[in-house]
Amino acid sequence: QQQPVESGGGLVQAGESLTLTCVHSASIFATVGWYRQAPGKQREFVATLTGSGRTDYADSVKDRFTISTGSPKITVYLQMNSLKPEDTAVYYCNIKLDALGLYDYWGQGTQVTVSS
């Protein structure tokens, strides 16, 4: 299985929380991340985590979202708190198994809808 499998999307009200999960069959990664695409907009960066533990977040989600991983298979979580209507999008998981990006995999996406 090369394509990551995402789960956890859904419909929530503003201010609520949601956790997305992404699973890949490999056990070691270089970088994992979450991206999102709202209707009519380009896909945008949300958060990444490197194998060394460095995290980066988009300014729009900083202090509200947390990216983390689990084992033994690559499992990537995105804990989303204090959700806003503008967080509504399809969220995609990205797994890079190597630093050069030669083994770069995207999930199929999971819909997150936040109502006001």
PDB file of N, CA and C in Angstrom:
ATOM      1  N   GLN A   1       0.847  -1.200   0.000  1.00  0.00           N
ATOM      2  CA  GLN A   1       0.000   0.000   0.000  1.00  0.00           C
ATOM      3  C   GLN A   1       0.876   1.242   0.000  1.00  0.00           C
ATOM      4  N   GLN A   2       0.825   2.007  -1.103  1.00  0.00           N
ATOM      5  CA  GLN A   2       1.643   3.200  -1.203  1.00  0.00           C
ATOM      6  C   GLN A   2       0.855   4.460  -0.900  1.00  0.00           C
ATOM      7  N   GLN A   3      -0.446   4.450  -1.181  1.00  0.00           N
ATOM      8  CA  GLN A   3      -1.240   5.645  -0.925  1.00  0.00           C
ATOM      9  C   GLN A   3      -1.663   5.677   0.536  1.00  0.00           C
ATOM     10  N   PRO A   4      -1.404   6.811   1.188  1.00  0.00           N
ATOM     11  CA  PRO A   4      -1.864   6.939   2.576  1.00  0.00           C
ATOM     12  C   PRO A   4      -3.393   6.912   2.628  1.00  0.00           C
ATOM     13  N   VAL A   5      -3.924   6.445   3.724  1.00  0.00           N
ATOM     14  CA  VAL A   5      -5.370   6.397   3.908  1.00  0.00           C
ATOM     15  C   VAL A   5      -5.754   7.324   5.052  1.00  0.00           C
ATOM     16  N   GLU A   6      -6.589   8.310   4.733  1.00  0.00           N
ATOM     17  CA  GLU A   6      -7.007   9.294   5.729  1.00  0.00           C
ATOM     18  C   GLU A   6      -8.385   8.934   6.285  1.00  0.00           C
ATOM     19  N   SER A   7      -8.654   9.409   7.478  1.00  0.00           N
ATOM     20  CA  SER A   7      -9.962   9.259   8.095  1.00  0.00           C
ATOM     21  C   SER A   7     -10.144  10.362   9.136  1.00  0.00           C
ATOM     22  N   GLY A   8     -11.383  10.508   9.588  1.00  0.00           N
ATOM     23  CA  GLY A   8     -11.642  11.441  10.666  1.00  0.00           C
ATOM     24  C   GLY A   8     -12.337  12.731  10.282  1.00  0.00           C
ATOM     25  N   GLY A   9     -12.536  12.952   9.005  1.00  0.00           N
ATOM     26  CA  GLY A   9     -13.226  14.165   8.588  1.00  0.00           C
ATOM     27  C   GLY A   9     -14.694  14.122   8.974  1.00  0.00           C
ATOM     28  N   GLY A  10     -15.352  15.257   8.860  1.00  0.00           N
ATOM     29  CA  GLY A  10     -16.770  15.303   9.181  1.00  0.00           C
ATOM     30  C   GLY A  10     -17.291  16.713   9.259  1.00  0.00           C
ATOM     31  N   LEU A  11     -18.502  16.819   9.773  1.00  0.00           N
ATOM     32  CA  LEU A  11     -19.182  18.108   9.937  1.00  0.00           C
ATOM     33  C   LEU A  11     -19.200  18.465  11.416  1.00  0.00           C
ATOM     34  N   VAL A  12     -18.675  19.641  11.749  1.00  0.00           N
ATOM     35  CA  VAL A  12     -18.659  20.112  13.126  1.00  0.00           C
ATOM     36  C   VAL A  12     -19.083  21.577  13.159  1.00  0.00           C
ATOM     37  N   GLN A  13     -19.395  22.042  14.350  1.00  0.00           N
ATOM     38  CA  GLN A  13     -19.733  23.453  14.518  1.00  0.00           C
ATOM     39  C   GLN A  13     -18.479  24.248  14.866  1.00  0.00           C
ATOM     40  N   ALA A  14     -18.541  25.527  14.599  1.00  0.00           N
ATOM     41  CA  ALA A  14     -17.418  26.401  14.931  1.00  0.00           C
ATOM     42  C   ALA A  14     -17.094  26.285  16.416  1.00  0.00           C
ATOM     43  N   GLY A  15     -15.798  26.235  16.713  1.00  0.00           N
ATOM     44  CA  GLY A  15     -15.351  26.116  18.093  1.00  0.00           C
ATOM     45  C   GLY A  15     -15.101  24.685  18.541  1.00  0.00           C
ATOM     46  N   GLU A  16     -15.590  23.734  17.782  1.00  0.00           N
ATOM     47  CA  GLU A  16     -15.406  22.326  18.151  1.00  0.00           C
ATOM     48  C   GLU A  16     -14.060  21.801  17.651  1.00  0.00           C
ATOM     49  N   SER A  17     -13.789  20.544  18.015  1.00  0.00           N
ATOM     50  CA  SER A  17     -12.515  19.916  17.660  1.00  0.00           C
ATOM     51  C   SER A  17     -12.737  18.691  16.786  1.00  0.00           C
ATOM     52  N   LEU A  18     -11.677  18.321  16.079  1.00  0.00           N
ATOM     53  CA  LEU A  18     -11.707  17.154  15.200  1.00  0.00           C
ATOM     54  C   LEU A  18     -10.279  16.656  15.063  1.00  0.00           C
ATOM     55  N   THR A  19     -10.115  15.338  14.961  1.00  0.00           N
ATOM     56  CA  THR A  19      -8.792  14.763  14.746  1.00  0.00           C
ATOM     57  C   THR A  19      -8.784  13.952  13.456  1.00  0.00           C
ATOM     58  N   LEU A  20      -7.858  14.285  12.577  1.00  0.00           N
ATOM     59  CA  LEU A  20      -7.669  13.537  11.346  1.00  0.00           C
ATOM     60  C   LEU A  20      -6.545  12.521  11.550  1.00  0.00           C
ATOM     61  N   THR A  21      -6.689  11.378  10.890  1.00  0.00           N
ATOM     62  CA  THR A  21      -5.682  10.328  10.970  1.00  0.00           C
ATOM     63  C   THR A  21      -5.300   9.889   9.562  1.00  0.00           C
ATOM     64  N   CYS A  22      -4.021   9.614   9.387  1.00  0.00           N
ATOM     65  CA  CYS A  22      -3.499   9.153   8.094  1.00  0.00           C
ATOM     66  C   CYS A  22      -2.563   7.986   8.378  1.00  0.00           C
ATOM     67  N   VAL A  23      -2.744   6.889   7.632  1.00  0.00           N
ATOM     68  CA  VAL A  23      -1.933   5.695   7.856  1.00  0.00           C
ATOM     69  C   VAL A  23      -1.243   5.290   6.553  1.00  0.00           C
ATOM     70  N   HIS A  24       0.040   4.957   6.680  1.00  0.00           N
ATOM     71  CA  HIS A  24       0.814   4.450   5.541  1.00  0.00           C
ATOM     72  C   HIS A  24       1.524   3.179   5.980  1.00  0.00           C
ATOM     73  N   SER A  25       1.770   2.300   5.012  1.00  0.00           N
ATOM     74  CA  SER A  25       2.336   0.988   5.348  1.00  0.00           C
ATOM     75  C   SER A  25       3.809   1.026   5.729  1.00  0.00           C
ATOM     76  N   ALA A  26       4.542   2.090   5.360  1.00  0.00           N
ATOM     77  CA  ALA A  26       5.952   2.175   5.720  1.00  0.00           C
ATOM     78  C   ALA A  26       6.097   2.502   7.202  1.00  0.00           C
ATOM     79  N   SER A  27       7.329   2.401   7.693  1.00  0.00           N
ATOM     80  CA  SER A  27       7.557   2.664   9.113  1.00  0.00           C
ATOM     81  C   SER A  27       8.517   3.818   9.373  1.00  0.00           C
ATOM     82  N   ILE A  28       9.209   4.277   8.345  1.00  0.00           N
ATOM     83  CA  ILE A  28      10.165   5.376   8.499  1.00  0.00           C
ATOM     84  C   ILE A  28       9.846   6.431   7.451  1.00  0.00           C
ATOM     85  N   PHE A  29       9.903   7.697   7.850  1.00  0.00           N
ATOM     86  CA  PHE A  29       9.597   8.775   6.930  1.00  0.00           C
ATOM     87  C   PHE A  29      10.617   9.886   7.061  1.00  0.00           C
ATOM     88  N   ALA A  30      10.651  10.734   6.039  1.00  0.00           N
ATOM     89  CA  ALA A  30      11.472  11.938   6.093  1.00  0.00           C
ATOM     90  C   ALA A  30      10.621  13.123   6.570  1.00  0.00           C
ATOM     91  N   THR A  31       9.461  13.291   5.939  1.00  0.00           N
ATOM     92  CA  THR A  31       8.545  14.364   6.308  1.00  0.00           C
ATOM     93  C   THR A  31       7.112  13.896   6.092  1.00  0.00           C
ATOM     94  N   VAL A  32       6.255  14.226   7.022  1.00  0.00           N
ATOM     95  CA  VAL A  32       4.822  13.994   6.836  1.00  0.00           C
ATOM     96  C   VAL A  32       4.114  15.336   6.986  1.00  0.00           C
ATOM     97  N   GLY A  33       2.961  15.446   6.355  1.00  0.00           N
ATOM     98  CA  GLY A  33       2.285  16.731   6.432  1.00  0.00           C
ATOM     99  C   GLY A  33       0.821  16.661   6.075  1.00  0.00           C
ATOM    100  N   TRP A  34       0.154  17.740   6.361  1.00  0.00           N
ATOM    101  CA  TRP A  34      -1.250  17.921   6.009  1.00  0.00           C
ATOM    102  C   TRP A  34      -1.379  19.182   5.168  1.00  0.00           C
ATOM    103  N   TYR A  35      -2.207  19.080   4.142  1.00  0.00           N
ATOM    104  CA  TYR A  35      -2.515  20.190   3.260  1.00  0.00           C
ATOM    105  C   TYR A  35      -4.033  20.224   3.105  1.00  0.00           C
ATOM    106  N   ARG A  36      -4.561  21.341   2.630  1.00  0.00           N
ATOM    107  CA  ARG A  36      -6.001  21.417   2.447  1.00  0.00           C
ATOM    108  C   ARG A  36      -6.338  22.230   1.210  1.00  0.00           C
ATOM    109  N   GLN A  37      -7.524  21.960   0.689  1.00  0.00           N
ATOM    110  CA  GLN A  37      -7.996  22.669  -0.487  1.00  0.00           C
ATOM    111  C   GLN A  37      -9.462  23.001  -0.309  1.00  0.00           C
ATOM    112  N   ALA A  38      -9.745  24.296  -0.251  1.00  0.00           N
ATOM    113  CA  ALA A  38     -11.111  24.771  -0.147  1.00  0.00           C
ATOM    114  C   ALA A  38     -11.697  24.917  -1.553  1.00  0.00           C
ATOM    115  N   PRO A  39     -13.019  24.913  -1.692  1.00  0.00           N
ATOM    116  CA  PRO A  39     -13.645  25.057  -3.015  1.00  0.00           C
ATOM    117  C   PRO A  39     -13.180  26.323  -3.720  1.00  0.00           C
ATOM    118  N   GLY A  40     -12.746  26.187  -4.948  1.00  0.00           N
ATOM    119  CA  GLY A  40     -12.326  27.335  -5.731  1.00  0.00           C
ATOM    120  C   GLY A  40     -10.960  27.877  -5.396  1.00  0.00           C
ATOM    121  N   LYS A  41     -10.238  27.200  -4.506  1.00  0.00           N
ATOM    122  CA  LYS A  41      -8.915  27.670  -4.104  1.00  0.00           C
ATOM    123  C   LYS A  41      -7.865  26.605  -4.381  1.00  0.00           C
ATOM    124  N   GLN A  42      -6.612  27.032  -4.371  1.00  0.00           N
ATOM    125  CA  GLN A  42      -5.517  26.090  -4.558  1.00  0.00           C
ATOM    126  C   GLN A  42      -5.238  25.349  -3.256  1.00  0.00           C
ATOM    127  N   ARG A  43      -4.615  24.194  -3.395  1.00  0.00           N
ATOM    128  CA  ARG A  43      -4.212  23.440  -2.218  1.00  0.00           C
ATOM    129  C   ARG A  43      -3.177  24.251  -1.443  1.00  0.00           C
ATOM    130  N   GLU A  44      -3.313  24.264  -0.116  1.00  0.00           N
ATOM    131  CA  GLU A  44      -2.392  25.049   0.698  1.00  0.00           C
ATOM    132  C   GLU A  44      -1.812  24.209   1.829  1.00  0.00           C
ATOM    133  N   PHE A  45      -0.661  24.633   2.268  1.00  0.00           N
ATOM    134  CA  PHE A  45       0.051  23.990   3.359  1.00  0.00           C
ATOM    135  C   PHE A  45      -0.671  24.224   4.684  1.00  0.00           C
ATOM    136  N   VAL A  46      -0.731  23.173   5.499  1.00  0.00           N
ATOM    137  CA  VAL A  46      -1.307  23.299   6.840  1.00  0.00           C
ATOM    138  C   VAL A  46      -0.238  23.054   7.899  1.00  0.00           C
ATOM    139  N   ALA A  47       0.408  21.894   7.844  1.00  0.00           N
ATOM    140  CA  ALA A  47       1.405  21.547   8.852  1.00  0.00           C
ATOM    141  C   ALA A  47       2.296  20.431   8.334  1.00  0.00           C
ATOM    142  N   THR A  48       3.549  20.438   8.786  1.00  0.00           N
ATOM    143  CA  THR A  48       4.476  19.355   8.484  1.00  0.00           C
ATOM    144  C   THR A  48       5.257  18.975   9.732  1.00  0.00           C
ATOM    145  N   LEU A  49       5.765  17.755   9.706  1.00  0.00           N
ATOM    146  CA  LEU A  49       6.596  17.236  10.787  1.00  0.00           C
ATOM    147  C   LEU A  49       7.702  16.402  10.146  1.00  0.00           C
ATOM    148  N   THR A  50       8.949  16.666  10.512  1.00  0.00           N
ATOM    149  CA  THR A  50      10.065  15.926   9.940  1.00  0.00           C
ATOM    150  C   THR A  50      10.422  14.733  10.825  1.00  0.00           C
ATOM    151  N   GLY A  51      11.235  13.848  10.280  1.00  0.00           N
ATOM    152  CA  GLY A  51      11.684  12.697  11.039  1.00  0.00           C
ATOM    153  C   GLY A  51      12.507  13.066  12.259  1.00  0.00           C
ATOM    154  N   SER A  52      13.082  14.265  12.239  1.00  0.00           N
ATOM    155  CA  SER A  52      13.868  14.734  13.382  1.00  0.00           C
ATOM    156  C   SER A  52      13.008  15.423  14.428  1.00  0.00           C
ATOM    157  N   GLY A  53      11.702  15.565  14.116  1.00  0.00           N
ATOM    158  CA  GLY A  53      10.784  16.134  15.093  1.00  0.00           C
ATOM    159  C   GLY A  53      10.434  17.593  14.914  1.00  0.00           C
ATOM    160  N   ARG A  54      10.955  18.220  13.854  1.00  0.00           N
ATOM    161  CA  ARG A  54      10.626  19.627  13.635  1.00  0.00           C
ATOM    162  C   ARG A  54       9.215  19.752  13.071  1.00  0.00           C
ATOM    163  N   THR A  55       8.468  20.695  13.595  1.00  0.00           N
ATOM    164  CA  THR A  55       7.111  20.969  13.106  1.00  0.00           C
ATOM    165  C   THR A  55       7.036  22.376  12.529  1.00  0.00           C
ATOM    166  N   ASP A  56       6.184  22.529  11.532  1.00  0.00           N
ATOM    167  CA  ASP A  56       5.893  23.836  10.955  1.00  0.00           C
ATOM    168  C   ASP A  56       4.395  23.924  10.740  1.00  0.00           C
ATOM    169  N   TYR A  57       3.848  25.105  10.944  1.00  0.00           N
ATOM    170  CA  TYR A  57       2.416  25.319  10.797  1.00  0.00           C
ATOM    171  C   TYR A  57       2.149  26.570   9.973  1.00  0.00           C
ATOM    172  N   ALA A  58       1.062  26.538   9.237  1.00  0.00           N
ATOM    173  CA  ALA A  58       0.593  27.748   8.582  1.00  0.00           C
ATOM    174  C   ALA A  58       0.154  28.728   9.664  1.00  0.00           C
ATOM    175  N   ASP A  59       0.337  30.001   9.407  1.00  0.00           N
ATOM    176  CA  ASP A  59      -0.033  31.013  10.407  1.00  0.00           C
ATOM    177  C   ASP A  59      -1.512  30.917  10.774  1.00  0.00           C
ATOM    178  N   SER A  60      -2.332  30.530   9.816  1.00  0.00           N
ATOM    179  CA  SER A  60      -3.776  30.494  10.045  1.00  0.00           C
ATOM    180  C   SER A  60      -4.207  29.400  11.013  1.00  0.00           C
ATOM    181  N   VAL A  61      -3.338  28.407  11.239  1.00  0.00           N
ATOM    182  CA  VAL A  61      -3.717  27.302  12.127  1.00  0.00           C
ATOM    183  C   VAL A  61      -2.828  27.212  13.355  1.00  0.00           C
ATOM    184  N   LYS A  62      -1.797  28.029  13.402  1.00  0.00           N
ATOM    185  CA  LYS A  62      -0.858  27.980  14.526  1.00  0.00           C
ATOM    186  C   LYS A  62      -1.604  28.188  15.837  1.00  0.00           C
ATOM    187  N   ASP A  63      -1.240  27.420  16.836  1.00  0.00           N
ATOM    188  CA  ASP A  63      -1.834  27.462  18.175  1.00  0.00           C
ATOM    189  C   ASP A  63      -3.223  26.829  18.236  1.00  0.00           C
ATOM    190  N   ARG A  64      -3.729  26.349  17.100  1.00  0.00           N
ATOM    191  CA  ARG A  64      -5.023  25.643  17.106  1.00  0.00           C
ATOM    192  C   ARG A  64      -4.881  24.192  16.654  1.00  0.00           C
ATOM    193  N   PHE A  65      -3.960  23.944  15.722  1.00  0.00           N
ATOM    194  CA  PHE A  65      -3.774  22.608  15.172  1.00  0.00           C
ATOM    195  C   PHE A  65      -2.451  22.024  15.680  1.00  0.00           C
ATOM    196  N   THR A  66      -2.420  20.703  15.835  1.00  0.00           N
ATOM    197  CA  THR A  66      -1.205  20.016  16.254  1.00  0.00           C
ATOM    198  C   THR A  66      -1.006  18.772  15.391  1.00  0.00           C
ATOM    199  N   ILE A  67       0.181  18.655  14.801  1.00  0.00           N
ATOM    200  CA  ILE A  67       0.522  17.475  14.017  1.00  0.00           C
ATOM    201  C   ILE A  67       1.391  16.560  14.880  1.00  0.00           C
ATOM    202  N   SER A  68       1.132  15.256  14.780  1.00  0.00           N
ATOM    203  CA  SER A  68       1.919  14.293  15.540  1.00  0.00           C
ATOM    204  C   SER A  68       1.918  12.969  14.790  1.00  0.00           C
ATOM    205  N   THR A  69       2.739  12.035  15.242  1.00  0.00           N
ATOM    206  CA  THR A  69       2.829  10.744  14.572  1.00  0.00           C
ATOM    207  C   THR A  69       2.781   9.605  15.568  1.00  0.00           C
ATOM    208  N   GLY A  70       2.469   8.424  15.047  1.00  0.00           N
ATOM    209  CA  GLY A  70       2.454   7.205  15.838  1.00  0.00           C
ATOM    210  C   GLY A  70       3.183   6.114  15.084  1.00  0.00           C
ATOM    211  N   SER A  71       3.333   4.965  15.725  1.00  0.00           N
ATOM    212  CA  SER A  71       4.068   3.842  15.135  1.00  0.00           C
ATOM    213  C   SER A  71       3.316   2.541  15.423  1.00  0.00           C
ATOM    214  N   PRO A  72       3.728   1.369  14.891  1.00  0.00           N
ATOM    215  CA  PRO A  72       4.909   1.142  14.084  1.00  0.00           C
ATOM    216  C   PRO A  72       4.754   1.565  12.629  1.00  0.00           C
ATOM    217  N   LYS A  73       3.530   1.450  12.069  1.00  0.00           N
ATOM    218  CA  LYS A  73       3.345   2.003  10.734  1.00  0.00           C
ATOM    219  C   LYS A  73       3.309   3.512  10.866  1.00  0.00           C
ATOM    220  N   ILE A  74       3.582   4.186   9.766  1.00  0.00           N
ATOM    221  CA  ILE A  74       3.488   5.646   9.789  1.00  0.00           C
ATOM    222  C   ILE A  74       2.022   6.019  10.006  1.00  0.00           C
ATOM    223  N   THR A  75       1.761   6.670  11.106  1.00  0.00           N
ATOM    224  CA  THR A  75       0.432   7.181  11.409  1.00  0.00           C
ATOM    225  C   THR A  75       0.587   8.667  11.722  1.00  0.00           C
ATOM    226  N   VAL A  76      -0.134   9.491  10.994  1.00  0.00           N
ATOM    227  CA  VAL A  76      -0.027  10.932  11.151  1.00  0.00           C
ATOM    228  C   VAL A  76      -1.368  11.471  11.637  1.00  0.00           C
ATOM    229  N   TYR A  77      -1.312  12.247  12.704  1.00  0.00           N
ATOM    230  CA  TYR A  77      -2.514  12.835  13.265  1.00  0.00           C
ATOM    231  C   TYR A  77      -2.498  14.359  13.054  1.00  0.00           C
ATOM    232  N   LEU A  78      -3.685  14.901  12.907  1.00  0.00           N
ATOM    233  CA  LEU A  78      -3.842  16.349  12.919  1.00  0.00           C
ATOM    234  C   LEU A  78      -4.977  16.660  13.886  1.00  0.00           C
ATOM    235  N   GLN A  79      -4.598  17.140  15.063  1.00  0.00           N
ATOM    236  CA  GLN A  79      -5.582  17.547  16.062  1.00  0.00           C
ATOM    237  C   GLN A  79      -5.971  18.983  15.763  1.00  0.00           C
ATOM    238  N   MET A  80      -7.248  19.185  15.517  1.00  0.00           N
ATOM    239  CA  MET A  80      -7.734  20.516  15.147  1.00  0.00           C
ATOM    240  C   MET A  80      -8.690  21.020  16.227  1.00  0.00           C
ATOM    241  N   ASN A  81      -8.311  22.091  16.889  1.00  0.00           N
ATOM    242  CA  ASN A  81      -9.133  22.694  17.934  1.00  0.00           C
ATOM    243  C   ASN A  81      -9.649  24.059  17.491  1.00  0.00           C
ATOM    244  N   SER A  82     -10.677  24.519  18.159  1.00  0.00           N
ATOM    245  CA  SER A  82     -11.242  25.853  17.885  1.00  0.00           C
ATOM    246  C   SER A  82     -11.465  26.048  16.386  1.00  0.00           C
ATOM    247  N   LEU A  83     -12.131  25.106  15.780  1.00  0.00           N
ATOM    248  CA  LEU A  83     -12.326  25.151  14.336  1.00  0.00           C
ATOM    249  C   LEU A  83     -13.181  26.341  13.923  1.00  0.00           C
ATOM    250  N   LYS A  84     -12.852  26.873  12.752  1.00  0.00           N
ATOM    251  CA  LYS A  84     -13.552  28.037  12.199  1.00  0.00           C
ATOM    252  C   LYS A  84     -14.164  27.658  10.846  1.00  0.00           C
ATOM    253  N   PRO A  85     -15.184  28.361  10.423  1.00  0.00           N
ATOM    254  CA  PRO A  85     -15.766  28.066   9.103  1.00  0.00           C
ATOM    255  C   PRO A  85     -14.728  28.119   7.988  1.00  0.00           C
ATOM    256  N   GLU A  86     -13.738  28.994   8.119  1.00  0.00           N
ATOM    257  CA  GLU A  86     -12.708  29.101   7.083  1.00  0.00           C
ATOM    258  C   GLU A  86     -11.757  27.909   7.061  1.00  0.00           C
ATOM    259  N   ASP A  87     -11.882  27.005   8.013  1.00  0.00           N
ATOM    260  CA  ASP A  87     -11.104  25.762   7.989  1.00  0.00           C
ATOM    261  C   ASP A  87     -11.762  24.708   7.097  1.00  0.00           C
ATOM    262  N   THR A  88     -12.953  24.991   6.619  1.00  0.00           N
ATOM    263  CA  THR A  88     -13.657  24.054   5.752  1.00  0.00           C
ATOM    264  C   THR A  88     -12.859  23.799   4.482  1.00  0.00           C
ATOM    265  N   ALA A  89     -12.579  22.519   4.216  1.00  0.00           N
ATOM    266  CA  ALA A  89     -11.758  22.151   3.057  1.00  0.00           C
ATOM    267  C   ALA A  89     -11.656  20.634   3.003  1.00  0.00           C
ATOM    268  N   VAL A  90     -11.103  20.153   1.907  1.00  0.00           N
ATOM    269  CA  VAL A  90     -10.672  18.756   1.837  1.00  0.00           C
ATOM    270  C   VAL A  90      -9.227  18.725   2.333  1.00  0.00           C
ATOM    271  N   TYR A  91      -8.967  17.884   3.303  1.00  0.00           N
ATOM    272  CA  TYR A  91      -7.639  17.784   3.894  1.00  0.00           C
ATOM    273  C   TYR A  91      -6.913  16.561   3.332  1.00  0.00           C
ATOM    274  N   TYR A  92      -5.671  16.790   2.914  1.00  0.00           N
ATOM    275  CA  TYR A  92      -4.869  15.748   2.295  1.00  0.00           C
ATOM    276  C   TYR A  92      -3.619  15.460   3.138  1.00  0.00           C
ATOM    277  N   CYS A  93      -3.336  14.202   3.274  1.00  0.00           N
ATOM    278  CA  CYS A  93      -2.124  13.759   3.954  1.00  0.00           C
ATOM    279  C   CYS A  93      -1.015  13.567   2.916  1.00  0.00           C
ATOM    280  N   ASN A  94       0.204  13.961   3.269  1.00  0.00           N
ATOM    281  CA  ASN A  94       1.357  13.771   2.400  1.00  0.00           C
ATOM    282  C   ASN A  94       2.460  13.069   3.172  1.00  0.00           C
ATOM    283  N   ILE A  95       3.005  12.040   2.544  1.00  0.00           N
ATOM    284  CA  ILE A  95       4.087  11.266   3.158  1.00  0.00           C
ATOM    285  C   ILE A  95       5.292  11.297   2.223  1.00  0.00           C
ATOM    286  N   LYS A  96       6.408  11.757   2.729  1.00  0.00           N
ATOM    287  CA  LYS A  96       7.663  11.690   1.978  1.00  0.00           C
ATOM    288  C   LYS A  96       8.573  10.706   2.716  1.00  0.00           C
ATOM    289  N   LEU A  97       8.877   9.599   2.042  1.00  0.00           N
ATOM    290  CA  LEU A  97       9.687   8.571   2.691  1.00  0.00           C
ATOM    291  C   LEU A  97      11.176   8.903   2.661  1.00  0.00           C
ATOM    292  N   ASP A  98      11.586   9.768   1.731  1.00  0.00           N
ATOM    293  CA  ASP A  98      13.001  10.112   1.630  1.00  0.00           C
ATOM    294  C   ASP A  98      13.167  11.612   1.503  1.00  0.00           C
ATOM    295  N   ALA A  99      14.356  12.101   1.791  1.00  0.00           N
ATOM    296  CA  ALA A  99      14.625  13.542   1.803  1.00  0.00           C
ATOM    297  C   ALA A  99      14.582  14.150   0.406  1.00  0.00           C
ATOM    298  N   LEU A 100      14.826  13.356  -0.618  1.00  0.00           N
ATOM    299  CA  LEU A 100      14.818  13.887  -1.983  1.00  0.00           C
ATOM    300  C   LEU A 100      13.409  13.979  -2.551  1.00  0.00           C
ATOM    301  N   GLY A 101      12.449  13.375  -1.875  1.00  0.00           N
ATOM    302  CA  GLY A 101      11.079  13.425  -2.384  1.00  0.00           C
ATOM    303  C   GLY A 101      10.808  12.455  -3.509  1.00  0.00           C
ATOM    304  N   LEU A 102      11.676  11.442  -3.673  1.00  0.00           N
ATOM    305  CA  LEU A 102      11.479  10.448  -4.728  1.00  0.00           C
ATOM    306  C   LEU A 102      10.301   9.533  -4.419  1.00  0.00           C
ATOM    307  N   TYR A 103      10.043   9.348  -3.132  1.00  0.00           N
ATOM    308  CA  TYR A 103       8.921   8.521  -2.692  1.00  0.00           C
ATOM    309  C   TYR A 103       7.967   9.439  -1.937  1.00  0.00           C
ATOM    310  N   ASP A 104       7.047  10.006  -2.695  1.00  0.00           N
ATOM    311  CA  ASP A 104       6.183  11.092  -2.233  1.00  0.00           C
ATOM    312  C   ASP A 104       4.741  10.673  -2.493  1.00  0.00           C
ATOM    313  N   TYR A 105       3.957  10.497  -1.437  1.00  0.00           N
ATOM    314  CA  TYR A 105       2.622   9.944  -1.582  1.00  0.00           C
ATOM    315  C   TYR A 105       1.566  10.851  -0.981  1.00  0.00           C
ATOM    316  N   TRP A 106       0.420  10.910  -1.688  1.00  0.00           N
ATOM    317  CA  TRP A 106      -0.722  11.709  -1.229  1.00  0.00           C
ATOM    318  C   TRP A 106      -1.910  10.807  -0.947  1.00  0.00           C
ATOM    319  N   GLY A 107      -2.652  11.163   0.077  1.00  0.00           N
ATOM    320  CA  GLY A 107      -3.896  10.467   0.356  1.00  0.00           C
ATOM    321  C   GLY A 107      -5.005  10.968  -0.550  1.00  0.00           C
ATOM    322  N   GLN A 108      -6.163  10.352  -0.410  1.00  0.00           N
ATOM    323  CA  GLN A 108      -7.286  10.679  -1.278  1.00  0.00           C
ATOM    324  C   GLN A 108      -8.071  11.892  -0.781  1.00  0.00           C
ATOM    325  N   GLY A 109      -7.801  12.311   0.431  1.00  0.00           N
ATOM    326  CA  GLY A 109      -8.462  13.482   0.987  1.00  0.00           C
ATOM    327  C   GLY A 109      -9.645  13.123   1.867  1.00  0.00           C
ATOM    328  N   THR A 110      -9.877  13.948   2.872  1.00  0.00           N
ATOM    329  CA  THR A 110     -11.033  13.779   3.750  1.00  0.00           C
ATOM    330  C   THR A 110     -11.673  15.147   3.969  1.00  0.00           C
ATOM    331  N   GLN A 111     -12.985  15.200   3.877  1.00  0.00           N
ATOM    332  CA  GLN A 111     -13.705  16.478   3.943  1.00  0.00           C
ATOM    333  C   GLN A 111     -13.908  16.913   5.384  1.00  0.00           C
ATOM    334  N   VAL A 112     -13.583  18.154   5.643  1.00  0.00           N
ATOM    335  CA  VAL A 112     -13.870  18.783   6.932  1.00  0.00           C
ATOM    336  C   VAL A 112     -14.764  19.984   6.658  1.00  0.00           C
ATOM    337  N   THR A 113     -15.914  20.004   7.288  1.00  0.00           N
ATOM    338  CA  THR A 113     -16.854  21.105   7.124  1.00  0.00           C
ATOM    339  C   THR A 113     -17.169  21.696   8.490  1.00  0.00           C
ATOM    340  N   VAL A 114     -16.960  23.002   8.616  1.00  0.00           N
ATOM    341  CA  VAL A 114     -17.208  23.686   9.875  1.00  0.00           C
ATOM    342  C   VAL A 114     -18.348  24.671   9.662  1.00  0.00           C
ATOM    343  N   SER A 115     -19.427  24.478  10.386  1.00  0.00           N
ATOM    344  CA  SER A 115     -20.578  25.363  10.255  1.00  0.00           C
ATOM    345  C   SER A 115     -20.516  26.476  11.298  1.00  0.00           C
ATOM    346  N   SER A 116     -21.076  27.609  10.930  1.00  0.00           N
ATOM    347  CA  SER A 116     -21.038  28.763  11.847  1.00  0.00           C
ATOM    348  C   SER A 116     -22.248  28.777  12.762  1.00  0.00           C
TER     349      SER A 116
END
